Amino acid sequence: MPNKHPPMKLSREEENFLRHWIFDESHYQDGPGPAKRLQLEHQVAPVQLATIIAAAMPNLEVQAAAAKGPPPDSPPTWPWARQTFDARLAEAQAVLEAAGVPSSH
């Protein structure tokens, strides 16, 4: 059954970073890409970013296209301050909960 929940809205910076991160994760054998390095630098667990992705990009074809690449033209930047990230993660969890998606936390 297709997912009918309205996706979480992302800023351009968030979408750019997350598309880079999806690409980096799917090409891990090539070494850590720039978004993966930012994720590690900010000490954010991959499941946290995956939660935001699931809420904002529920279409698996969109996620697969980002994984296949190419990555976005503009380089990734970390789009969140710590409190902002925590709030966005909570928002993503609420979107997924409203859609009946099991929690990963």
C-alpha atoms as a PDB file:
ATOM      1  CA  MET A   1       0.000   0.000   0.000  1.00  0.00           C
ATOM      2  CA  PRO A   2       1.511   3.371  -0.979  1.00  0.00           C
ATOM      3  CA  ASN A   3       2.443   5.779   1.776  1.00  0.00           C
ATOM      4  CA  LYS A   4      -0.165   8.585   1.838  1.00  0.00           C
ATOM      5  CA  HIS A   5       1.241  10.867   4.540  1.00  0.00           C
ATOM      6  CA  PRO A   6       2.189  14.379   3.457  1.00  0.00           C
ATOM      7  CA  PRO A   7       5.970  14.525   3.361  1.00  0.00           C
ATOM      8  CA  MET A   8       7.931  16.726   5.719  1.00  0.00           C
ATOM      9  CA  LYS A   9       9.043  19.922   3.981  1.00  0.00           C
ATOM     10  CA  LEU A  10      12.804  20.435   3.681  1.00  0.00           C
ATOM     11  CA  SER A  11      14.784  23.603   3.131  1.00  0.00           C
ATOM     12  CA  ARG A  12      17.010  23.654   0.039  1.00  0.00           C
ATOM     13  CA  GLU A  13      20.058  23.206   2.276  1.00  0.00           C
ATOM     14  CA  GLU A  14      18.510  20.216   4.059  1.00  0.00           C
ATOM     15  CA  GLU A  15      17.507  18.547   0.803  1.00  0.00           C
ATOM     16  CA  ASN A  16      20.929  19.176  -0.743  1.00  0.00           C
ATOM     17  CA  PHE A  17      22.694  17.694   2.288  1.00  0.00           C
ATOM     18  CA  LEU A  18      20.379  14.672   2.532  1.00  0.00           C
ATOM     19  CA  ARG A  19      20.655  13.871  -1.180  1.00  0.00           C
ATOM     20  CA  HIS A  20      24.453  14.022  -0.846  1.00  0.00           C
ATOM     21  CA  TRP A  21      24.279  11.820   2.243  1.00  0.00           C
ATOM     22  CA  ILE A  22      22.119   9.209   0.491  1.00  0.00           C
ATOM     23  CA  PHE A  23      24.633   9.159  -2.366  1.00  0.00           C
ATOM     24  CA  ASP A  24      27.576   8.887   0.055  1.00  0.00           C
ATOM     25  CA  GLU A  25      25.934   6.019   1.962  1.00  0.00           C
ATOM     26  CA  SER A  26      25.241   4.067  -1.214  1.00  0.00           C
ATOM     27  CA  HIS A  27      28.827   4.585  -2.420  1.00  0.00           C
ATOM     28  CA  TYR A  28      30.542   3.800   0.902  1.00  0.00           C
ATOM     29  CA  GLN A  29      33.037   1.494  -0.832  1.00  0.00           C
ATOM     30  CA  ASP A  30      34.530   4.595  -2.474  1.00  0.00           C
ATOM     31  CA  GLY A  31      35.320   6.032   0.978  1.00  0.00           C
ATOM     32  CA  PRO A  32      33.442   8.586   3.067  1.00  0.00           C
ATOM     33  CA  GLY A  33      31.999  11.379   0.965  1.00  0.00           C
ATOM     34  CA  PRO A  34      31.607  14.984   2.096  1.00  0.00           C
ATOM     35  CA  ALA A  35      28.121  14.551   3.586  1.00  0.00           C
ATOM     36  CA  LYS A  36      29.169  11.410   5.455  1.00  0.00           C
ATOM     37  CA  ARG A  37      32.160  13.288   6.907  1.00  0.00           C
ATOM     38  CA  LEU A  38      29.829  16.092   8.054  1.00  0.00           C
ATOM     39  CA  GLN A  39      27.496  13.538   9.668  1.00  0.00           C
ATOM     40  CA  LEU A  40      30.415  12.025  11.591  1.00  0.00           C
ATOM     41  CA  GLU A  41      31.773  15.454  12.546  1.00  0.00           C
ATOM     42  CA  HIS A  42      28.400  16.407  14.045  1.00  0.00           C
ATOM     43  CA  GLN A  43      28.071  13.038  15.800  1.00  0.00           C
ATOM     44  CA  VAL A  44      24.678  12.245  14.326  1.00  0.00           C
ATOM     45  CA  ALA A  45      23.647   8.601  13.963  1.00  0.00           C
ATOM     46  CA  PRO A  46      22.770   7.406  10.460  1.00  0.00           C
ATOM     47  CA  VAL A  47      19.340   6.274  11.690  1.00  0.00           C
ATOM     48  CA  GLN A  48      18.545   9.872  12.631  1.00  0.00           C
ATOM     49  CA  LEU A  49      19.217  11.099   9.097  1.00  0.00           C
ATOM     50  CA  ALA A  50      17.340   8.105   7.684  1.00  0.00           C
ATOM     51  CA  THR A  51      14.336   9.088   9.817  1.00  0.00           C
ATOM     52  CA  ILE A  52      14.302  12.577   8.316  1.00  0.00           C
ATOM     53  CA  ILE A  53      14.716  11.114   4.837  1.00  0.00           C
ATOM     54  CA  ALA A  54      11.810   8.690   5.366  1.00  0.00           C
ATOM     55  CA  ALA A  55       9.575  11.549   6.505  1.00  0.00           C
ATOM     56  CA  ALA A  56      10.624  13.965   3.772  1.00  0.00           C
ATOM     57  CA  MET A  57      11.178  11.578   0.863  1.00  0.00           C
ATOM     58  CA  PRO A  58       8.721   8.709   1.385  1.00  0.00           C
ATOM     59  CA  ASN A  59       8.882   7.729  -2.287  1.00  0.00           C
ATOM     60  CA  LEU A  60      11.477   4.942  -2.514  1.00  0.00           C
ATOM     61  CA  GLU A  61      12.089   5.731  -6.185  1.00  0.00           C
ATOM     62  CA  VAL A  62      13.209   9.242  -5.197  1.00  0.00           C
ATOM     63  CA  GLN A  63      15.574   7.758  -2.614  1.00  0.00           C
ATOM     64  CA  ALA A  64      16.908   5.228  -5.148  1.00  0.00           C
ATOM     65  CA  ALA A  65      17.561   7.988  -7.688  1.00  0.00           C
ATOM     66  CA  ALA A  66      19.516   9.957  -5.070  1.00  0.00           C
ATOM     67  CA  ALA A  67      21.512   6.830  -4.223  1.00  0.00           C
ATOM     68  CA  LYS A  68      22.325   6.126  -7.855  1.00  0.00           C
ATOM     69  CA  GLY A  69      23.449   9.687  -8.455  1.00  0.00           C
ATOM     70  CA  PRO A  70      24.935  11.823  -9.517  1.00  0.00           C
ATOM     71  CA  PRO A  71      25.019  13.836  -6.296  1.00  0.00           C
ATOM     72  CA  PRO A  72      23.732  17.430  -6.363  1.00  0.00           C
ATOM     73  CA  ASP A  73      25.995  19.990  -8.011  1.00  0.00           C
ATOM     74  CA  SER A  74      26.387  22.226  -4.968  1.00  0.00           C
ATOM     75  CA  PRO A  75      28.569  20.868  -2.159  1.00  0.00           C
ATOM     76  CA  PRO A  76      26.855  19.750   1.040  1.00  0.00           C
ATOM     77  CA  THR A  77      26.860  21.944   4.116  1.00  0.00           C
ATOM     78  CA  TRP A  78      25.545  20.984   7.541  1.00  0.00           C
ATOM     79  CA  PRO A  79      22.109  22.638   7.601  1.00  0.00           C
ATOM     80  CA  TRP A  80      21.279  22.364  11.316  1.00  0.00           C
ATOM     81  CA  ALA A  81      22.321  23.795  14.659  1.00  0.00           C
ATOM     82  CA  ARG A  82      22.070  21.127  17.402  1.00  0.00           C
ATOM     83  CA  GLN A  83      18.690  22.302  18.736  1.00  0.00           C
ATOM     84  CA  THR A  84      17.360  22.732  15.218  1.00  0.00           C
ATOM     85  CA  PHE A  85      18.411  19.201  14.314  1.00  0.00           C
ATOM     86  CA  ASP A  86      16.720  17.778  17.398  1.00  0.00           C
ATOM     87  CA  ALA A  87      13.516  19.658  16.532  1.00  0.00           C
ATOM     88  CA  ARG A  88      13.604  18.482  12.898  1.00  0.00           C
ATOM     89  CA  LEU A  89      14.190  14.901  14.015  1.00  0.00           C
ATOM     90  CA  ALA A  90      11.187  15.123  16.376  1.00  0.00           C
ATOM     91  CA  GLU A  91       9.116  16.562  13.522  1.00  0.00           C
ATOM     92  CA  ALA A  92      10.144  13.681  11.263  1.00  0.00           C
ATOM     93  CA  GLN A  93       9.272  11.135  13.942  1.00  0.00           C
ATOM     94  CA  ALA A  94       5.837  12.753  14.367  1.00  0.00           C
ATOM     95  CA  VAL A  95       5.201  12.657  10.596  1.00  0.00           C
ATOM     96  CA  LEU A  96       6.125   8.983  10.473  1.00  0.00           C
ATOM     97  CA  GLU A  97       4.066   8.160  13.567  1.00  0.00           C
ATOM     98  CA  ALA A  98       1.025   9.886  12.033  1.00  0.00           C
ATOM     99  CA  ALA A  99       1.556   7.755   8.933  1.00  0.00           C
ATOM    100  CA  GLY A 100       1.659   4.586  11.026  1.00  0.00           C
ATOM    101  CA  VAL A 101       5.318   3.897  10.346  1.00  0.00           C
ATOM    102  CA  PRO A 102       6.947   1.978  13.229  1.00  0.00           C
ATOM    103  CA  SER A 103       9.393   4.014  15.303  1.00  0.00           C
ATOM    104  CA  SER A 104      13.122   3.293  15.153  1.00  0.00           C
ATOM    105  CA  HIS A 105      13.887   4.962  18.506  1.00  0.00           C
END
